[in-house]
Amino acid sequence: MVVPTPGHTNNHQSVIVRDGNMSYFLADDARYAERAMLETRTDGVSPDEKVAQDTLKRIRDFARQHATVYLPAHDPKTKEGLEGRQAVPTDGEPILSTPMQKM
């Protein structure tokens, strides 16, 4: 499923692949590292910081609602996350109630 993830660029898109109960979020440059996404830290070059932060919150919400392996393009842990099928660590309640599909 292709989902809009504006922020790094206005028309940025990511891909979610579902395999059973696990989702694989191919984030590309939505956020360079999983930790930065979880902390809602933008990359500093986004055309609109508010849009970028909203996208990161929606990704985090998706990961809290669905077991998700987050796969950003520049995180050195991406390979081991994929190989070990390491889901994003979640704690607390979802940030937003908006499902990813409605972004």
C-alpha atoms as a PDB file:
ATOM      1  CA  MET A   1       0.000   0.000   0.000  1.00  0.00           C
ATOM      2  CA  VAL A   2       1.446   3.378  -1.016  1.00  0.00           C
ATOM      3  CA  VAL A   3       0.802   6.107   1.561  1.00  0.00           C
ATOM      4  CA  PRO A   4       1.538   9.824   1.407  1.00  0.00           C
ATOM      5  CA  THR A   5       4.205  10.855   3.930  1.00  0.00           C
ATOM      6  CA  PRO A   6       4.831  14.533   3.164  1.00  0.00           C
ATOM      7  CA  GLY A   7       7.481  16.294   5.138  1.00  0.00           C
ATOM      8  CA  HIS A   8      10.955  15.649   3.790  1.00  0.00           C
ATOM      9  CA  THR A   9       9.475  16.691   0.442  1.00  0.00           C
ATOM     10  CA  ASN A  10       5.956  17.834  -0.369  1.00  0.00           C
ATOM     11  CA  ASN A  11       5.029  14.732  -2.362  1.00  0.00           C
ATOM     12  CA  HIS A  12       7.007  12.126  -0.411  1.00  0.00           C
ATOM     13  CA  GLN A  13       5.448   8.649  -0.320  1.00  0.00           C
ATOM     14  CA  SER A  14       6.154   5.498   1.612  1.00  0.00           C
ATOM     15  CA  VAL A  15       5.108   1.895   1.127  1.00  0.00           C
ATOM     16  CA  ILE A  16       3.521  -0.433   3.678  1.00  0.00           C
ATOM     17  CA  VAL A  17       3.773  -4.157   3.019  1.00  0.00           C
ATOM     18  CA  ARG A  18       1.608  -6.397   5.190  1.00  0.00           C
ATOM     19  CA  ASP A  19       2.621  -9.982   5.876  1.00  0.00           C
ATOM     20  CA  GLY A  20       0.238 -11.707   8.255  1.00  0.00           C
ATOM     21  CA  ASN A  21       0.197  -9.704  11.469  1.00  0.00           C
ATOM     22  CA  MET A  22       3.372  -7.761  10.640  1.00  0.00           C
ATOM     23  CA  SER A  23       3.584  -4.535   8.629  1.00  0.00           C
ATOM     24  CA  TYR A  24       6.808  -3.414   6.950  1.00  0.00           C
ATOM     25  CA  PHE A  25       6.937   0.366   6.612  1.00  0.00           C
ATOM     26  CA  LEU A  26       9.363   1.281   3.815  1.00  0.00           C
ATOM     27  CA  ALA A  27       9.770   4.890   4.889  1.00  0.00           C
ATOM     28  CA  ASP A  28      12.619   6.024   2.614  1.00  0.00           C
ATOM     29  CA  ASP A  29      13.255   9.608   3.826  1.00  0.00           C
ATOM     30  CA  ALA A  30      10.055  10.132   5.862  1.00  0.00           C
ATOM     31  CA  ARG A  31      12.547  10.155   8.728  1.00  0.00           C
ATOM     32  CA  TYR A  32      16.155   9.008   8.512  1.00  0.00           C
ATOM     33  CA  ALA A  33      16.162   6.868  11.669  1.00  0.00           C
ATOM     34  CA  GLU A  34      13.582   5.004  13.739  1.00  0.00           C
ATOM     35  CA  ARG A  35      14.565   6.843  16.950  1.00  0.00           C
ATOM     36  CA  ALA A  36      14.041  10.235  15.273  1.00  0.00           C
ATOM     37  CA  MET A  37      10.615   9.140  14.053  1.00  0.00           C
ATOM     38  CA  LEU A  38       9.627   7.965  17.541  1.00  0.00           C
ATOM     39  CA  GLU A  39      10.798  11.288  19.000  1.00  0.00           C
ATOM     40  CA  THR A  40       9.049  13.250  16.200  1.00  0.00           C
ATOM     41  CA  ARG A  41      12.321  14.938  15.220  1.00  0.00           C
ATOM     42  CA  THR A  42      12.196  16.352  11.701  1.00  0.00           C
ATOM     43  CA  ASP A  43      15.206  16.525   9.393  1.00  0.00           C
ATOM     44  CA  GLY A  44      15.576  20.298   9.385  1.00  0.00           C
ATOM     45  CA  VAL A  45      15.212  20.600   5.615  1.00  0.00           C
ATOM     46  CA  SER A  46      11.479  19.993   5.360  1.00  0.00           C
ATOM     47  CA  PRO A  47       9.544  22.641   3.427  1.00  0.00           C
ATOM     48  CA  ASP A  48       6.945  22.700   6.250  1.00  0.00           C
ATOM     49  CA  GLU A  49       7.985  21.511   9.727  1.00  0.00           C
ATOM     50  CA  LYS A  50       4.359  21.200  10.911  1.00  0.00           C
ATOM     51  CA  VAL A  51       3.502  18.883   8.013  1.00  0.00           C
ATOM     52  CA  ALA A  52       6.638  16.830   8.681  1.00  0.00           C
ATOM     53  CA  GLN A  53       5.822  16.491  12.388  1.00  0.00           C
ATOM     54  CA  ASP A  54       2.225  15.513  11.627  1.00  0.00           C
ATOM     55  CA  THR A  55       3.468  12.790   9.262  1.00  0.00           C
ATOM     56  CA  LEU A  56       5.852  11.429  11.907  1.00  0.00           C
ATOM     57  CA  LYS A  57       3.040  11.362  14.472  1.00  0.00           C
ATOM     58  CA  ARG A  58       0.836   9.450  12.030  1.00  0.00           C
ATOM     59  CA  ILE A  59       3.598   6.931  11.342  1.00  0.00           C
ATOM     60  CA  ARG A  60       4.109   6.492  15.080  1.00  0.00           C
ATOM     61  CA  ASP A  61       0.358   6.041  15.559  1.00  0.00           C
ATOM     62  CA  PHE A  62       0.260   3.427  12.812  1.00  0.00           C
ATOM     63  CA  ALA A  63       3.118   1.552  14.486  1.00  0.00           C
ATOM     64  CA  ARG A  64       1.269   1.614  17.794  1.00  0.00           C
ATOM     65  CA  GLN A  65      -1.848   0.154  16.184  1.00  0.00           C
ATOM     66  CA  HIS A  66      -0.076  -2.462  14.046  1.00  0.00           C
ATOM     67  CA  ALA A  67       3.091  -4.479  14.660  1.00  0.00           C
ATOM     68  CA  THR A  68       5.443  -2.592  12.338  1.00  0.00           C
ATOM     69  CA  VAL A  69       9.031  -2.946  11.200  1.00  0.00           C
ATOM     70  CA  TYR A  70      10.064   0.624  10.328  1.00  0.00           C
ATOM     71  CA  LEU A  71      12.561   0.720   7.459  1.00  0.00           C
ATOM     72  CA  PRO A  72      14.007   4.187   6.807  1.00  0.00           C
ATOM     73  CA  ALA A  73      16.592   4.609   4.066  1.00  0.00           C
ATOM     74  CA  HIS A  74      19.456   5.959   6.190  1.00  0.00           C
ATOM     75  CA  ASP A  75      19.205   4.153   9.537  1.00  0.00           C
ATOM     76  CA  PRO A  76      22.158   1.764  10.030  1.00  0.00           C
ATOM     77  CA  LYS A  77      19.795  -0.506  12.000  1.00  0.00           C
ATOM     78  CA  THR A  78      17.408  -0.965   9.053  1.00  0.00           C
ATOM     79  CA  LYS A  79      19.045  -4.170   7.823  1.00  0.00           C
ATOM     80  CA  GLU A  80      19.006  -5.876  11.228  1.00  0.00           C
ATOM     81  CA  GLY A  81      15.471  -4.608  11.841  1.00  0.00           C
ATOM     82  CA  LEU A  82      14.322  -6.291   8.660  1.00  0.00           C
ATOM     83  CA  GLU A  83      16.327  -9.479   9.174  1.00  0.00           C
ATOM     84  CA  GLY A  84      15.157  -9.822  12.781  1.00  0.00           C
ATOM     85  CA  ARG A  85      11.652  -8.564  12.024  1.00  0.00           C
ATOM     86  CA  GLN A  86      12.063  -6.129  14.917  1.00  0.00           C
ATOM     87  CA  ALA A  87       8.869  -4.168  15.352  1.00  0.00           C
ATOM     88  CA  VAL A  88       8.927  -0.544  16.430  1.00  0.00           C
ATOM     89  CA  PRO A  89       8.921  -0.421  20.230  1.00  0.00           C
ATOM     90  CA  THR A  90       5.599   0.955  21.382  1.00  0.00           C
ATOM     91  CA  ASP A  91       4.513   2.343  24.683  1.00  0.00           C
ATOM     92  CA  GLY A  92       1.458   4.288  25.687  1.00  0.00           C
ATOM     93  CA  GLU A  93      -1.590   5.144  23.644  1.00  0.00           C
ATOM     94  CA  PRO A  94      -1.711   6.150  19.975  1.00  0.00           C
ATOM     95  CA  ILE A  95      -0.799   9.779  19.298  1.00  0.00           C
ATOM     96  CA  LEU A  96      -3.536  10.317  16.691  1.00  0.00           C
ATOM     97  CA  SER A  97      -6.713   8.478  15.858  1.00  0.00           C
ATOM     98  CA  THR A  98      -6.291   9.015  12.107  1.00  0.00           C
ATOM     99  CA  PRO A  99      -5.472   5.714  10.374  1.00  0.00           C
ATOM    100  CA  MET A 100      -2.469   5.817   8.040  1.00  0.00           C
ATOM    101  CA  GLN A 101      -4.630   5.014   5.020  1.00  0.00           C
ATOM    102  CA  LYS A 102      -6.483   8.335   5.413  1.00  0.00           C
ATOM    103  CA  MET A 103      -3.373  10.510   5.314  1.00  0.00           C
END
